[in-house]
Amino acid sequence: MNGVPSFFLENPILLVPVLLILAMWIYAIAKRLLKLSAILLIAVALYFILVEYVNATG
């Protein structure tokens, strides 16, 4: 396992594309998680509004 980091440190021309791909991958995952959490937050808020409305009218 020690060979992979040293290989990329010795060859910076290969390190840059690998780091760019890794950064894009992390950004895509973070973006997906933020979108999912926003949808979940909206759904929970709408659920609480519905529960309050049903309790107020019933």
Protein backbone atom coordinates (compact mmCIF):
# COMPACT_ATOMS: atom_id res chain seq x y z
CA MET A 1 0.00 0.00 0.00
CA ASN A 2 3.00 2.28 0.48
CA GLY A 3 3.78 2.11 -3.23
CA VAL A 4 0.67 3.92 -4.48
CA PRO A 5 1.17 7.23 -2.61
CA SER A 6 4.87 7.30 -3.38
CA PHE A 7 4.16 6.55 -7.05
CA PHE A 8 1.81 9.52 -7.33
CA LEU A 9 4.16 11.80 -5.38
CA GLU A 10 7.01 10.90 -7.72
CA ASN A 11 4.80 11.55 -10.79
CA PRO A 12 2.97 14.84 -10.23
CA ILE A 13 1.73 14.81 -13.83
CA LEU A 14 -0.48 11.87 -12.82
CA LEU A 15 -1.30 13.29 -9.40
CA VAL A 16 -3.15 16.34 -10.73
CA PRO A 17 -5.79 14.45 -12.78
CA VAL A 18 -6.32 11.95 -9.97
CA LEU A 19 -6.87 14.77 -7.47
CA LEU A 20 -9.26 16.54 -9.85
CA ILE A 21 -11.29 13.37 -10.35
CA LEU A 22 -11.34 12.77 -6.60
CA ALA A 23 -12.46 16.36 -5.94
CA MET A 24 -15.28 16.09 -8.50
CA TRP A 25 -16.36 12.79 -6.97
CA ILE A 26 -16.47 14.25 -3.45
CA TYR A 27 -18.34 17.32 -4.74
CA ALA A 28 -20.94 15.13 -6.48
CA ILE A 29 -21.53 13.09 -3.34
CA ALA A 30 -21.82 16.22 -1.17
CA LYS A 31 -24.22 17.82 -3.64
CA ARG A 32 -26.40 14.70 -3.67
CA LEU A 33 -26.45 14.54 0.13
CA LEU A 34 -27.35 18.22 0.43
CA LYS A 35 -30.16 17.82 -2.08
CA LEU A 36 -31.48 14.77 -0.24
CA SER A 37 -31.35 16.54 3.12
CA ALA A 38 -33.20 19.57 1.69
CA ILE A 39 -35.96 17.33 0.31
CA LEU A 40 -36.19 15.50 3.62
CA LEU A 41 -36.39 18.78 5.54
CA ILE A 42 -39.20 20.05 3.29
CA ALA A 43 -41.08 16.75 3.64
CA VAL A 44 -40.82 16.82 7.44
CA ALA A 45 -41.98 20.45 7.55
CA LEU A 46 -44.97 19.67 5.33
CA TYR A 47 -45.81 16.67 7.51
CA PHE A 48 -45.84 18.80 10.66
CA ILE A 49 -48.00 21.42 8.93
CA LEU A 50 -50.44 18.69 7.89
CA VAL A 51 -50.58 17.24 11.40
CA GLU A 52 -51.27 20.68 12.89
CA TYR A 53 -53.97 21.36 10.28
CA VAL A 54 -55.72 18.04 10.90
CA ASN A 55 -55.59 18.55 14.67
CA ALA A 56 -56.96 22.08 14.35
CA THR A 57 -59.90 21.04 12.16
CA GLY A 58 -60.66 17.74 13.86
